[in-house]
């Protein structure tokens, strides 16, 4: 029998596993602080890592992109294409946006939003 150690995350309603969250947060903070305290050494390490990855592992990047594309195309054209992402009341955003595009009130809101953005840029 397993126990569920997740806890509710306050206002945001996120469920977290405290051990996993705090250990990961601690390791991340450690590496950020370590990097900030040793900028010159870490720059050398990061430059060497980047050089190695770009010269020796470019083929791996291309392979990963192709595998990802193949999986996406398989899911698109297979029997799994009808699976909904989201809850029962979830709606496709694009379908909703296109339906609202012809609504005169929505068109006016879009024009006002664009005008507001243009005003903020000036």
PDB file of N, CA and C in Angstrom:
ATOM      1  N   UNK A   1       0.849  -1.170   0.000  1.00  0.00           N
ATOM      2  CA  UNK A   1       0.000   0.000   0.000  1.00  0.00           C
ATOM      3  C   UNK A   1       0.896   1.234   0.000  1.00  0.00           C
ATOM      4  N   UNK A   2       0.691   2.141  -0.947  1.00  0.00           N
ATOM      5  CA  UNK A   2       1.511   3.340  -1.020  1.00  0.00           C
ATOM      6  C   UNK A   2       0.757   4.511  -0.411  1.00  0.00           C
ATOM      7  N   UNK A   3       1.527   5.435   0.137  1.00  0.00           N
ATOM      8  CA  UNK A   3       0.902   6.611   0.723  1.00  0.00           C
ATOM      9  C   UNK A   3       1.148   7.812  -0.176  1.00  0.00           C
ATOM     10  N   UNK A   4       0.148   8.655  -0.284  1.00  0.00           N
ATOM     11  CA  UNK A   4       0.251   9.842  -1.109  1.00  0.00           C
ATOM     12  C   UNK A   4       0.755  10.979  -0.236  1.00  0.00           C
ATOM     13  N   UNK A   5       1.993  11.440  -0.500  1.00  0.00           N
ATOM     14  CA  UNK A   5       2.595  12.477   0.325  1.00  0.00           C
ATOM     15  C   UNK A   5       2.484  13.854  -0.307  1.00  0.00           C
ATOM     16  N   UNK A   6       1.631  14.006  -1.316  1.00  0.00           N
ATOM     17  CA  UNK A   6       1.497  15.315  -1.946  1.00  0.00           C
ATOM     18  C   UNK A   6       0.679  16.221  -1.054  1.00  0.00           C
ATOM     19  N   UNK A   7       0.961  17.517  -1.152  1.00  0.00           N
ATOM     20  CA  UNK A   7       0.220  18.490  -0.369  1.00  0.00           C
ATOM     21  C   UNK A   7      -0.311  19.572  -1.291  1.00  0.00           C
ATOM     22  N   UNK A   8      -1.398  20.173  -0.869  1.00  0.00           N
ATOM     23  CA  UNK A   8      -1.970  21.268  -1.648  1.00  0.00           C
ATOM     24  C   UNK A   8      -1.044  22.467  -1.554  1.00  0.00           C
ATOM     25  N   UNK A   9      -0.949  23.212  -2.620  1.00  0.00           N
ATOM     26  CA  UNK A   9       0.001  24.312  -2.695  1.00  0.00           C
ATOM     27  C   UNK A   9      -0.596  25.680  -2.440  1.00  0.00           C
ATOM     28  N   UNK A  10      -1.430  25.830  -1.459  1.00  0.00           N
ATOM     29  CA  UNK A  10      -1.930  27.142  -1.080  1.00  0.00           C
ATOM     30  C   UNK A  10      -2.887  27.724  -2.094  1.00  0.00           C
ATOM     31  N   UNK A  11      -2.689  29.010  -2.402  1.00  0.00           N
ATOM     32  CA  UNK A  11      -3.611  29.753  -3.266  1.00  0.00           C
ATOM     33  C   UNK A  11      -3.674  29.202  -4.678  1.00  0.00           C
ATOM     34  N   UNK A  12      -2.550  28.695  -5.174  1.00  0.00           N
ATOM     35  CA  UNK A  12      -2.514  28.243  -6.559  1.00  0.00           C
ATOM     36  C   UNK A  12      -3.126  26.861  -6.733  1.00  0.00           C
ATOM     37  N   UNK A  13      -3.312  26.116  -5.668  1.00  0.00           N
ATOM     38  CA  UNK A  13      -3.938  24.808  -5.752  1.00  0.00           C
ATOM     39  C   UNK A  13      -3.052  23.738  -6.374  1.00  0.00           C
ATOM     40  N   UNK A  14      -1.751  23.951  -6.370  1.00  0.00           N
ATOM     41  CA  UNK A  14      -0.840  22.955  -6.926  1.00  0.00           C
ATOM     42  C   UNK A  14      -0.604  21.845  -5.917  1.00  0.00           C
ATOM     43  N   UNK A  15      -0.461  20.648  -6.419  1.00  0.00           N
ATOM     44  CA  UNK A  15      -0.137  19.523  -5.548  1.00  0.00           C
ATOM     45  C   UNK A  15       1.339  19.212  -5.730  1.00  0.00           C
ATOM     46  N   UNK A  16       2.080  19.264  -4.646  1.00  0.00           N
ATOM     47  CA  UNK A  16       3.511  19.004  -4.728  1.00  0.00           C
ATOM     48  C   UNK A  16       3.883  17.872  -3.777  1.00  0.00           C
ATOM     49  N   UNK A  17       4.970  17.224  -4.091  1.00  0.00           N
ATOM     50  CA  UNK A  17       5.555  16.227  -3.207  1.00  0.00           C
ATOM     51  C   UNK A  17       6.689  16.937  -2.485  1.00  0.00           C
ATOM     52  N   UNK A  18       6.555  17.190  -1.178  1.00  0.00           N
ATOM     53  CA  UNK A  18       7.525  18.036  -0.478  1.00  0.00           C
ATOM     54  C   UNK A  18       8.973  17.561  -0.605  1.00  0.00           C
ATOM     55  N   UNK A  19       9.216  16.272  -0.514  1.00  0.00           N
ATOM     56  CA  UNK A  19      10.586  15.777  -0.602  1.00  0.00           C
ATOM     57  C   UNK A  19      11.192  16.075  -1.957  1.00  0.00           C
ATOM     58  N   UNK A  20      10.451  15.801  -3.009  1.00  0.00           N
ATOM     59  CA  UNK A  20      10.953  16.037  -4.362  1.00  0.00           C
ATOM     60  C   UNK A  20      11.109  17.528  -4.611  1.00  0.00           C
ATOM     61  N   UNK A  21      10.124  18.321  -4.227  1.00  0.00           N
ATOM     62  CA  UNK A  21      10.170  19.757  -4.478  1.00  0.00           C
ATOM     63  C   UNK A  21      11.339  20.408  -3.758  1.00  0.00           C
ATOM     64  N   UNK A  22      11.465  20.184  -2.457  1.00  0.00           N
ATOM     65  CA  UNK A  22      12.500  20.873  -1.689  1.00  0.00           C
ATOM     66  C   UNK A  22      13.899  20.384  -2.035  1.00  0.00           C
ATOM     67  N   UNK A  23      14.060  19.113  -2.341  1.00  0.00           N
ATOM     68  CA  UNK A  23      15.396  18.650  -2.737  1.00  0.00           C
ATOM     69  C   UNK A  23      15.786  19.242  -4.090  1.00  0.00           C
ATOM     70  N   UNK A  24      14.859  19.295  -5.026  1.00  0.00           N
ATOM     71  CA  UNK A  24      15.134  19.884  -6.335  1.00  0.00           C
ATOM     72  C   UNK A  24      15.391  21.385  -6.207  1.00  0.00           C
ATOM     73  N   UNK A  25      14.599  22.067  -5.412  1.00  0.00           N
ATOM     74  CA  UNK A  25      14.801  23.502  -5.196  1.00  0.00           C
ATOM     75  C   UNK A  25      16.163  23.752  -4.546  1.00  0.00           C
ATOM     76  N   UNK A  26      16.548  22.924  -3.597  1.00  0.00           N
ATOM     77  CA  UNK A  26      17.847  23.080  -2.939  1.00  0.00           C
ATOM     78  C   UNK A  26      19.013  22.897  -3.898  1.00  0.00           C
ATOM     79  N   UNK A  27      18.941  21.864  -4.739  1.00  0.00           N
ATOM     80  CA  UNK A  27      20.009  21.614  -5.708  1.00  0.00           C
ATOM     81  C   UNK A  27      20.091  22.770  -6.703  1.00  0.00           C
ATOM     82  N   UNK A  28      18.941  23.260  -7.156  1.00  0.00           N
ATOM     83  CA  UNK A  28      18.927  24.376  -8.100  1.00  0.00           C
ATOM     84  C   UNK A  28      19.534  25.621  -7.485  1.00  0.00           C
ATOM     85  N   UNK A  29      19.135  25.953  -6.278  1.00  0.00           N
ATOM     86  CA  UNK A  29      19.678  27.132  -5.595  1.00  0.00           C
ATOM     87  C   UNK A  29      21.175  26.971  -5.382  1.00  0.00           C
ATOM     88  N   UNK A  30      21.617  25.778  -5.006  1.00  0.00           N
ATOM     89  CA  UNK A  30      23.046  25.529  -4.818  1.00  0.00           C
ATOM     90  C   UNK A  30      23.824  25.815  -6.091  1.00  0.00           C
ATOM     91  N   UNK A  31      23.368  25.277  -7.224  1.00  0.00           N
ATOM     92  CA  UNK A  31      24.091  25.486  -8.478  1.00  0.00           C
ATOM     93  C   UNK A  31      24.064  26.943  -8.926  1.00  0.00           C
ATOM     94  N   UNK A  32      22.973  27.642  -8.699  1.00  0.00           N
ATOM     95  CA  UNK A  32      22.910  29.061  -9.067  1.00  0.00           C
ATOM     96  C   UNK A  32      23.899  29.853  -8.226  1.00  0.00           C
ATOM     97  N   UNK A  33      23.912  29.625  -6.920  1.00  0.00           N
ATOM     98  CA  UNK A  33      24.836  30.344  -6.039  1.00  0.00           C
ATOM     99  C   UNK A  33      26.282  29.976  -6.371  1.00  0.00           C
ATOM    100  N   UNK A  34      26.557  28.699  -6.585  1.00  0.00           N
ATOM    101  CA  UNK A  34      27.900  28.249  -6.928  1.00  0.00           C
ATOM    102  C   UNK A  34      28.377  28.908  -8.224  1.00  0.00           C
ATOM    103  N   UNK A  35      27.490  29.007  -9.207  1.00  0.00           N
ATOM    104  CA  UNK A  35      27.844  29.641 -10.473  1.00  0.00           C
ATOM    105  C   UNK A  35      28.115  31.127 -10.280  1.00  0.00           C
ATOM    106  N   UNK A  36      27.284  31.802  -9.487  1.00  0.00           N
ATOM    107  CA  UNK A  36      27.484  33.226  -9.259  1.00  0.00           C
ATOM    108  C   UNK A  36      28.772  33.522  -8.492  1.00  0.00           C
ATOM    109  N   UNK A  37      29.178  32.611  -7.625  1.00  0.00           N
ATOM    110  CA  UNK A  37      30.405  32.812  -6.856  1.00  0.00           C
ATOM    111  C   UNK A  37      31.663  32.461  -7.647  1.00  0.00           C
ATOM    112  N   UNK A  38      31.545  31.684  -8.706  1.00  0.00           N
ATOM    113  CA  UNK A  38      32.684  31.237  -9.507  1.00  0.00           C
ATOM    114  C   UNK A  38      32.448  31.538 -10.979  1.00  0.00           C
ATOM    115  N   UNK A  39      32.224  32.784 -11.298  1.00  0.00           N
ATOM    116  CA  UNK A  39      31.836  33.156 -12.657  1.00  0.00           C
ATOM    117  C   UNK A  39      32.889  32.787 -13.700  1.00  0.00           C
ATOM    118  N   UNK A  40      34.137  33.067 -13.429  1.00  0.00           N
ATOM    119  CA  UNK A  40      35.176  32.832 -14.437  1.00  0.00           C
ATOM    120  C   UNK A  40      35.333  31.337 -14.716  1.00  0.00           C
ATOM    121  N   UNK A  41      35.412  30.532 -13.659  1.00  0.00           N
ATOM    122  CA  UNK A  41      35.557  29.093 -13.844  1.00  0.00           C
ATOM    123  C   UNK A  41      34.330  28.493 -14.532  1.00  0.00           C
ATOM    124  N   UNK A  42      33.153  28.961 -14.146  1.00  0.00           N
ATOM    125  CA  UNK A  42      31.937  28.414 -14.745  1.00  0.00           C
ATOM    126  C   UNK A  42      31.801  28.842 -16.200  1.00  0.00           C
ATOM    127  N   UNK A  43      32.291  30.042 -16.550  1.00  0.00           N
ATOM    128  CA  UNK A  43      32.271  30.458 -17.947  1.00  0.00           C
ATOM    129  C   UNK A  43      33.138  29.517 -18.782  1.00  0.00           C
ATOM    130  N   UNK A  44      34.294  29.165 -18.263  1.00  0.00           N
ATOM    131  CA  UNK A  44      35.156  28.225 -18.979  1.00  0.00           C
ATOM    132  C   UNK A  44      34.479  26.865 -19.150  1.00  0.00           C
ATOM    133  N   UNK A  45      33.835  26.400 -18.094  1.00  0.00           N
ATOM    134  CA  UNK A  45      33.148  25.102 -18.151  1.00  0.00           C
ATOM    135  C   UNK A  45      31.978  25.154 -19.132  1.00  0.00           C
ATOM    136  N   UNK A  46      31.178  26.220 -19.067  1.00  0.00           N
ATOM    137  CA  UNK A  46      30.027  26.335 -19.965  1.00  0.00           C
ATOM    138  C   UNK A  46      30.467  26.477 -21.421  1.00  0.00           C
ATOM    139  N   UNK A  47      31.539  27.245 -21.661  1.00  0.00           N
ATOM    140  CA  UNK A  47      32.048  27.384 -23.028  1.00  0.00           C
ATOM    141  C   UNK A  47      32.543  26.050 -23.569  1.00  0.00           C
ATOM    142  N   UNK A  48      33.266  25.295 -22.738  1.00  0.00           N
ATOM    143  CA  UNK A  48      33.763  23.983 -23.170  1.00  0.00           C
ATOM    144  C   UNK A  48      32.597  23.024 -23.429  1.00  0.00           C
ATOM    145  N   UNK A  49      31.571  23.072 -22.560  1.00  0.00           N
ATOM    146  CA  UNK A  49      30.403  22.206 -22.744  1.00  0.00           C
ATOM    147  C   UNK A  49      29.664  22.548 -24.032  1.00  0.00           C
ATOM    148  N   UNK A  50      29.471  23.835 -24.274  1.00  0.00           N
ATOM    149  CA  UNK A  50      28.787  24.265 -25.490  1.00  0.00           C
ATOM    150  C   UNK A  50      29.567  23.851 -26.728  1.00  0.00           C
ATOM    151  N   UNK A  51      30.871  24.025 -26.690  1.00  0.00           N
ATOM    152  CA  UNK A  51      31.709  23.640 -27.824  1.00  0.00           C
ATOM    153  C   UNK A  51      31.615  22.140 -28.082  1.00  0.00           C
ATOM    154  N   UNK A  52      31.680  21.346 -27.013  1.00  0.00           N
ATOM    155  CA  UNK A  52      31.576  19.895 -27.169  1.00  0.00           C
ATOM    156  C   UNK A  52      30.236  19.491 -27.756  1.00  0.00           C
ATOM    157  N   UNK A  53      29.160  20.079 -27.225  1.00  0.00           N
ATOM    158  CA  UNK A  53      27.814  19.717 -27.684  1.00  0.00           C
ATOM    159  C   UNK A  53      27.628  20.084 -29.153  1.00  0.00           C
ATOM    160  N   UNK A  54      28.060  21.285 -29.542  1.00  0.00           N
ATOM    161  CA  UNK A  54      27.829  21.716 -30.920  1.00  0.00           C
ATOM    162  C   UNK A  54      28.698  20.966 -31.916  1.00  0.00           C
ATOM    163  N   UNK A  55      29.919  20.584 -31.523  1.00  0.00           N
ATOM    164  CA  UNK A  55      30.794  19.892 -32.474  1.00  0.00           C
ATOM    165  C   UNK A  55      30.582  18.388 -32.483  1.00  0.00           C
ATOM    166  N   UNK A  56      30.256  17.807 -31.329  1.00  0.00           N
ATOM    167  CA  UNK A  56      30.188  16.346 -31.247  1.00  0.00           C
ATOM    168  C   UNK A  56      28.784  15.783 -31.190  1.00  0.00           C
ATOM    169  N   UNK A  57      27.812  16.583 -30.806  1.00  0.00           N
ATOM    170  CA  UNK A  57      26.478  16.038 -30.562  1.00  0.00           C
ATOM    171  C   UNK A  57      25.403  16.636 -31.471  1.00  0.00           C
ATOM    172  N   UNK A  58      25.786  17.328 -32.533  1.00  0.00           N
ATOM    173  CA  UNK A  58      24.811  17.902 -33.450  1.00  0.00           C
ATOM    174  C   UNK A  58      23.908  16.844 -34.050  1.00  0.00           C
ATOM    175  N   UNK A  59      24.483  15.696 -34.362  1.00  0.00           N
ATOM    176  CA  UNK A  59      23.708  14.597 -34.927  1.00  0.00           C
ATOM    177  C   UNK A  59      22.620  14.139 -33.961  1.00  0.00           C
ATOM    178  N   UNK A  60      22.912  14.194 -32.649  1.00  0.00           N
ATOM    179  CA  UNK A  60      21.941  13.751 -31.656  1.00  0.00           C
ATOM    180  C   UNK A  60      20.758  14.708 -31.618  1.00  0.00           C
ATOM    181  N   UNK A  61      21.025  16.009 -31.737  1.00  0.00           N
ATOM    182  CA  UNK A  61      19.958  16.995 -31.776  1.00  0.00           C
ATOM    183  C   UNK A  61      19.042  16.746 -32.973  1.00  0.00           C
ATOM    184  N   UNK A  62      19.634  16.534 -34.140  1.00  0.00           N
ATOM    185  CA  UNK A  62      18.854  16.269 -35.353  1.00  0.00           C
ATOM    186  C   UNK A  62      18.043  14.987 -35.179  1.00  0.00           C
ATOM    187  N   UNK A  63      18.645  13.968 -34.589  1.00  0.00           N
ATOM    188  CA  UNK A  63      17.939  12.716 -34.346  1.00  0.00           C
ATOM    189  C   UNK A  63      16.736  12.931 -33.417  1.00  0.00           C
ATOM    190  N   UNK A  64      16.935  13.679 -32.336  1.00  0.00           N
ATOM    191  CA  UNK A  64      15.835  13.934 -31.384  1.00  0.00           C
ATOM    192  C   UNK A  64      14.687  14.690 -32.043  1.00  0.00           C
ATOM    193  N   UNK A  65      15.011  15.676 -32.857  1.00  0.00           N
ATOM    194  CA  UNK A  65      13.964  16.440 -33.547  1.00  0.00           C
ATOM    195  C   UNK A  65      13.190  15.525 -34.495  1.00  0.00           C
ATOM    196  N   UNK A  66      13.890  14.665 -35.216  1.00  0.00           N
ATOM    197  CA  UNK A  66      13.212  13.764 -36.150  1.00  0.00           C
ATOM    198  C   UNK A  66      12.348  12.739 -35.422  1.00  0.00           C
ATOM    199  N   UNK A  67      12.837  12.208 -34.315  1.00  0.00           N
ATOM    200  CA  UNK A  67      12.030  11.254 -33.535  1.00  0.00           C
ATOM    201  C   UNK A  67      10.790  11.952 -32.994  1.00  0.00           C
ATOM    202  N   UNK A  68      10.963  13.161 -32.467  1.00  0.00           N
ATOM    203  CA  UNK A  68       9.818  13.914 -31.956  1.00  0.00           C
ATOM    204  C   UNK A  68       8.797  14.154 -33.067  1.00  0.00           C
ATOM    205  N   UNK A  69       9.258  14.574 -34.232  1.00  0.00           N
ATOM    206  CA  UNK A  69       8.369  14.812 -35.362  1.00  0.00           C
ATOM    207  C   UNK A  69       7.643  13.534 -35.769  1.00  0.00           C
ATOM    208  N   UNK A  70       8.346  12.413 -35.779  1.00  0.00           N
ATOM    209  CA  UNK A  70       7.726  11.132 -36.138  1.00  0.00           C
ATOM    210  C   UNK A  70       6.641  10.754 -35.132  1.00  0.00           C
ATOM    211  N   UNK A  71       6.910  10.951 -33.843  1.00  0.00           N
ATOM    212  CA  UNK A  71       5.908  10.623 -32.815  1.00  0.00           C
ATOM    213  C   UNK A  71       4.683  11.520 -32.972  1.00  0.00           C
ATOM    214  N   UNK A  72       4.899  12.805 -33.200  1.00  0.00           N
ATOM    215  CA  UNK A  72       3.772  13.730 -33.366  1.00  0.00           C
ATOM    216  C   UNK A  72       2.943  13.348 -34.586  1.00  0.00           C
ATOM    217  N   UNK A  73       3.596  13.047 -35.694  1.00  0.00           N
ATOM    218  CA  UNK A  73       2.859  12.647 -36.896  1.00  0.00           C
ATOM    219  C   UNK A  73       2.118  11.336 -36.686  1.00  0.00           C
ATOM    220  N   UNK A  74       2.743  10.395 -35.978  1.00  0.00           N
ATOM    221  CA  UNK A  74       2.065   9.134 -35.681  1.00  0.00           C
ATOM    222  C   UNK A  74       0.801   9.389 -34.856  1.00  0.00           C
ATOM    223  N   UNK A  75       0.935  10.211 -33.814  1.00  0.00           N
ATOM    224  CA  UNK A  75      -0.229  10.501 -32.974  1.00  0.00           C
ATOM    225  C   UNK A  75      -1.299  11.258 -33.745  1.00  0.00           C
ATOM    226  N   UNK A  76      -0.893  12.096 -34.674  1.00  0.00           N
ATOM    227  CA  UNK A  76      -1.847  12.867 -35.467  1.00  0.00           C
ATOM    228  C   UNK A  76      -2.683  11.984 -36.381  1.00  0.00           C
ATOM    229  N   UNK A  77      -2.045  10.991 -36.992  1.00  0.00           N
ATOM    230  CA  UNK A  77      -2.740  10.176 -37.982  1.00  0.00           C
ATOM    231  C   UNK A  77      -3.149   8.791 -37.481  1.00  0.00           C
ATOM    232  N   UNK A  78      -2.905   8.481 -36.223  1.00  0.00           N
ATOM    233  CA  UNK A  78      -3.248   7.157 -35.705  1.00  0.00           C
ATOM    234  C   UNK A  78      -4.634   7.179 -35.066  1.00  0.00           C
ATOM    235  N   UNK A  79      -4.992   6.072 -34.473  1.00  0.00           N
ATOM    236  CA  UNK A  79      -6.288   5.982 -33.800  1.00  0.00           C
ATOM    237  C   UNK A  79      -6.319   6.806 -32.511  1.00  0.00           C
ATOM    238  N   UNK A  80      -5.171   7.335 -32.097  1.00  0.00           N
ATOM    239  CA  UNK A  80      -5.098   8.128 -30.868  1.00  0.00           C
ATOM    240  C   UNK A  80      -5.368   9.609 -31.113  1.00  0.00           C
ATOM    241  N   UNK A  81      -5.624   9.991 -32.344  1.00  0.00           N
ATOM    242  CA  UNK A  81      -5.785  11.408 -32.685  1.00  0.00           C
ATOM    243  C   UNK A  81      -7.026  12.032 -32.049  1.00  0.00           C
ATOM    244  N   UNK A  82      -8.001  11.244 -31.681  1.00  0.00           N
ATOM    245  CA  UNK A  82      -9.245  11.789 -31.140  1.00  0.00           C
ATOM    246  C   UNK A  82      -9.193  12.052 -29.644  1.00  0.00           C
ATOM    247  N   UNK A  83      -8.119  11.678 -28.972  1.00  0.00           N
ATOM    248  CA  UNK A  83      -8.021  11.846 -27.522  1.00  0.00           C
ATOM    249  C   UNK A  83      -7.976  13.330 -27.189  1.00  0.00           C
ATOM    250  N   UNK A  84      -8.869  13.738 -26.282  1.00  0.00           N
ATOM    251  CA  UNK A  84      -8.957  15.141 -25.879  1.00  0.00           C
ATOM    252  C   UNK A  84      -7.921  15.440 -24.815  1.00  0.00           C
ATOM    253  N   UNK A  85      -7.304  16.602 -24.937  1.00  0.00           N
ATOM    254  CA  UNK A  85      -6.410  17.086 -23.896  1.00  0.00           C
ATOM    255  C   UNK A  85      -7.187  18.119 -23.099  1.00  0.00           C
ATOM    256  N   UNK A  86      -7.287  17.917 -21.811  1.00  0.00           N
ATOM    257  CA  UNK A  86      -8.067  18.825 -20.980  1.00  0.00           C
ATOM    258  C   UNK A  86      -9.271  18.100 -20.416  1.00  0.00           C
ATOM    259  N   UNK A  87     -10.079  18.808 -19.681  1.00  0.00           N
ATOM    260  CA  UNK A  87     -11.251  18.226 -19.044  1.00  0.00           C
ATOM    261  C   UNK A  87     -12.407  18.067 -20.007  1.00  0.00           C
ATOM    262  N   UNK A  88     -13.535  17.617 -19.465  1.00  0.00           N
ATOM    263  CA  UNK A  88     -14.717  17.403 -20.293  1.00  0.00           C
ATOM    264  C   UNK A  88     -15.246  18.708 -20.886  1.00  0.00           C
ATOM    265  N   UNK A  89     -15.062  19.811 -20.170  1.00  0.00           N
ATOM    266  CA  UNK A  89     -15.582  21.086 -20.653  1.00  0.00           C
ATOM    267  C   UNK A  89     -14.526  21.900 -21.404  1.00  0.00           C
ATOM    268  N   UNK A  90     -13.364  21.315 -21.647  1.00  0.00           N
ATOM    269  CA  UNK A  90     -12.308  22.031 -22.372  1.00  0.00           C
ATOM    270  C   UNK A  90     -12.698  22.202 -23.833  1.00  0.00           C
ATOM    271  N   UNK A  91     -12.363  23.386 -24.389  1.00  0.00           N
ATOM    272  CA  UNK A  91     -12.667  23.660 -25.772  1.00  0.00           C
ATOM    273  C   UNK A  91     -11.381  24.031 -26.490  1.00  0.00           C
ATOM    274  N   UNK A  92     -11.340  23.773 -27.765  1.00  0.00           N
ATOM    275  CA  UNK A  92     -10.173  24.129 -28.549  1.00  0.00           C
ATOM    276  C   UNK A  92     -10.098  25.641 -28.663  1.00  0.00           C
ATOM    277  N   UNK A  93      -8.943  26.199 -28.381  1.00  0.00           N
ATOM    278  CA  UNK A  93      -8.801  27.651 -28.402  1.00  0.00           C
ATOM    279  C   UNK A  93      -8.981  28.212 -29.809  1.00  0.00           C
ATOM    280  N   UNK A  94      -8.348  27.591 -30.778  1.00  0.00           N
ATOM    281  CA  UNK A  94      -8.402  28.123 -32.134  1.00  0.00           C
ATOM    282  C   UNK A  94      -9.834  28.127 -32.655  1.00  0.00           C
ATOM    283  N   UNK A  95     -10.551  27.042 -32.395  1.00  0.00           N
ATOM    284  CA  UNK A  95     -11.942  26.952 -32.833  1.00  0.00           C
ATOM    285  C   UNK A  95     -12.769  28.061 -32.192  1.00  0.00           C
ATOM    286  N   UNK A  96     -12.554  28.303 -30.914  1.00  0.00           N
ATOM    287  CA  UNK A  96     -13.280  29.349 -30.200  1.00  0.00           C
ATOM    288  C   UNK A  96     -12.901  30.725 -30.721  1.00  0.00           C
ATOM    289  N   UNK A  97     -11.595  30.941 -30.945  1.00  0.00           N
ATOM    290  CA  UNK A  97     -11.134  32.240 -31.419  1.00  0.00           C
ATOM    291  C   UNK A  97     -11.670  32.538 -32.813  1.00  0.00           C
ATOM    292  N   UNK A  98     -11.686  31.538 -33.689  1.00  0.00           N
ATOM    293  CA  UNK A  98     -12.201  31.754 -35.041  1.00  0.00           C
ATOM    294  C   UNK A  98     -13.693  32.032 -35.029  1.00  0.00           C
ATOM    295  N   UNK A  99     -14.418  31.376 -34.147  1.00  0.00           N
ATOM    296  CA  UNK A  99     -15.856  31.610 -34.051  1.00  0.00           C
ATOM    297  C   UNK A  99     -16.138  33.017 -33.542  1.00  0.00           C
ATOM    298  N   UNK A 100     -15.309  33.501 -32.624  1.00  0.00           N
ATOM    299  CA  UNK A 100     -15.516  34.830 -32.065  1.00  0.00           C
ATOM    300  C   UNK A 100     -15.027  35.926 -32.993  1.00  0.00           C
ATOM    301  N   UNK A 101     -14.175  35.568 -33.945  1.00  0.00           N
ATOM    302  CA  UNK A 101     -13.592  36.575 -34.834  1.00  0.00           C
ATOM    303  C   UNK A 101     -14.650  37.320 -35.633  1.00  0.00           C
ATOM    304  N   UNK A 102     -15.738  36.663 -35.952  1.00  0.00           N
ATOM    305  CA  UNK A 102     -16.796  37.288 -36.746  1.00  0.00           C
ATOM    306  C   UNK A 102     -17.780  38.084 -35.909  1.00  0.00           C
ATOM    307  N   UNK A 103     -17.642  38.033 -34.600  1.00  0.00           N
ATOM    308  CA  UNK A 103     -18.523  38.771 -33.710  1.00  0.00           C
ATOM    309  C   UNK A 103     -18.117  40.249 -33.706  1.00  0.00           C
ATOM    310  N   UNK A 104     -19.045  41.172 -34.009  1.00  0.00           N
ATOM    311  CA  UNK A 104     -18.696  42.604 -34.079  1.00  0.00           C
ATOM    312  C   UNK A 104     -18.132  43.150 -32.764  1.00  0.00           C
ATOM    313  N   UNK A 105     -18.650  42.698 -31.636  1.00  0.00           N
ATOM    314  CA  UNK A 105     -18.150  43.169 -30.350  1.00  0.00           C
ATOM    315  C   UNK A 105     -16.700  42.747 -30.133  1.00  0.00           C
ATOM    316  N   UNK A 106     -16.384  41.522 -30.535  1.00  0.00           N
ATOM    317  CA  UNK A 106     -15.016  41.023 -30.394  1.00  0.00           C
ATOM    318  C   UNK A 106     -14.084  41.801 -31.312  1.00  0.00           C
ATOM    319  N   UNK A 107     -14.543  42.094 -32.540  1.00  0.00           N
ATOM    320  CA  UNK A 107     -13.721  42.879 -33.463  1.00  0.00           C
ATOM    321  C   UNK A 107     -13.404  44.251 -32.865  1.00  0.00           C
ATOM    322  N   UNK A 108     -14.395  44.873 -32.240  1.00  0.00           N
ATOM    323  CA  UNK A 108     -14.176  46.180 -31.625  1.00  0.00           C
ATOM    324  C   UNK A 108     -13.190  46.077 -30.459  1.00  0.00           C
ATOM    325  N   UNK A 109     -13.295  45.018 -29.652  1.00  0.00           N
ATOM    326  CA  UNK A 109     -12.349  44.802 -28.550  1.00  0.00           C
ATOM    327  C   UNK A 109     -10.932  44.626 -29.073  1.00  0.00           C
ATOM    328  N   UNK A 110     -10.792  43.896 -30.167  1.00  0.00           N
ATOM    329  CA  UNK A 110      -9.468  43.675 -30.761  1.00  0.00           C
ATOM    330  C   UNK A 110      -8.886  45.002 -31.241  1.00  0.00           C
ATOM    331  N   UNK A 111      -9.711  45.809 -31.899  1.00  0.00           N
ATOM    332  CA  UNK A 111      -9.237  47.113 -32.368  1.00  0.00           C
ATOM    333  C   UNK A 111      -8.790  47.981 -31.197  1.00  0.00           C
ATOM    334  N   UNK A 112      -9.575  47.986 -30.108  1.00  0.00           N
ATOM    335  CA  UNK A 112      -9.216  48.782 -28.943  1.00  0.00           C
ATOM    336  C   UNK A 112      -7.927  48.269 -28.301  1.00  0.00           C
ATOM    337  N   UNK A 113      -7.769  46.956 -28.254  1.00  0.00           N
ATOM    338  CA  UNK A 113      -6.559  46.379 -27.684  1.00  0.00           C
ATOM    339  C   UNK A 113      -5.332  46.759 -28.502  1.00  0.00           C
ATOM    340  N   UNK A 114      -5.461  46.693 -29.818  1.00  0.00           N
ATOM    341  CA  UNK A 114      -4.347  47.056 -30.697  1.00  0.00           C
ATOM    342  C   UNK A 114      -4.033  48.542 -30.534  1.00  0.00           C
ATOM    343  N   UNK A 115      -5.053  49.362 -30.430  1.00  0.00           N
ATOM    344  CA  UNK A 115      -4.836  50.799 -30.235  1.00  0.00           C
ATOM    345  C   UNK A 115      -4.137  51.059 -28.906  1.00  0.00           C
ATOM    346  N   UNK A 116      -4.538  50.341 -27.853  1.00  0.00           N
ATOM    347  CA  UNK A 116      -3.897  50.489 -26.556  1.00  0.00           C
ATOM    348  C   UNK A 116      -2.426  50.092 -26.612  1.00  0.00           C
ATOM    349  N   UNK A 117      -2.137  48.971 -27.294  1.00  0.00           N
ATOM    350  CA  UNK A 117      -0.751  48.537 -27.419  1.00  0.00           C
ATOM    351  C   UNK A 117       0.071  49.548 -28.198  1.00  0.00           C
ATOM    352  N   UNK A 118      -0.500  50.096 -29.262  1.00  0.00           N
ATOM    353  CA  UNK A 118       0.221  51.098 -30.058  1.00  0.00           C
ATOM    354  C   UNK A 118       0.472  52.342 -29.219  1.00  0.00           C
ATOM    355  N   UNK A 119      -0.457  52.714 -28.383  1.00  0.00           N
ATOM    356  CA  UNK A 119      -0.303  53.887 -27.517  1.00  0.00           C
ATOM    357  C   UNK A 119       0.802  53.646 -26.484  1.00  0.00           C
ATOM    358  N   UNK A 120       0.896  52.432 -25.963  1.00  0.00           N
ATOM    359  CA  UNK A 120       1.930  52.123 -24.972  1.00  0.00           C
ATOM    360  C   UNK A 120       3.323  52.122 -25.611  1.00  0.00           C
ATOM    361  N   UNK A 121       3.408  51.753 -26.874  1.00  0.00           N
ATOM    362  CA  UNK A 121       4.695  51.718 -27.553  1.00  0.00           C
ATOM    363  C   UNK A 121       5.227  53.117 -27.765  1.00  0.00           C
ATOM    364  N   UNK A 122       4.335  54.067 -28.024  1.00  0.00           N
ATOM    365  CA  UNK A 122       4.750  55.451 -28.281  1.00  0.00           C
ATOM    366  C   UNK A 122       5.327  56.084 -27.095  1.00  0.00           C
TER     367      UNK A 122
END
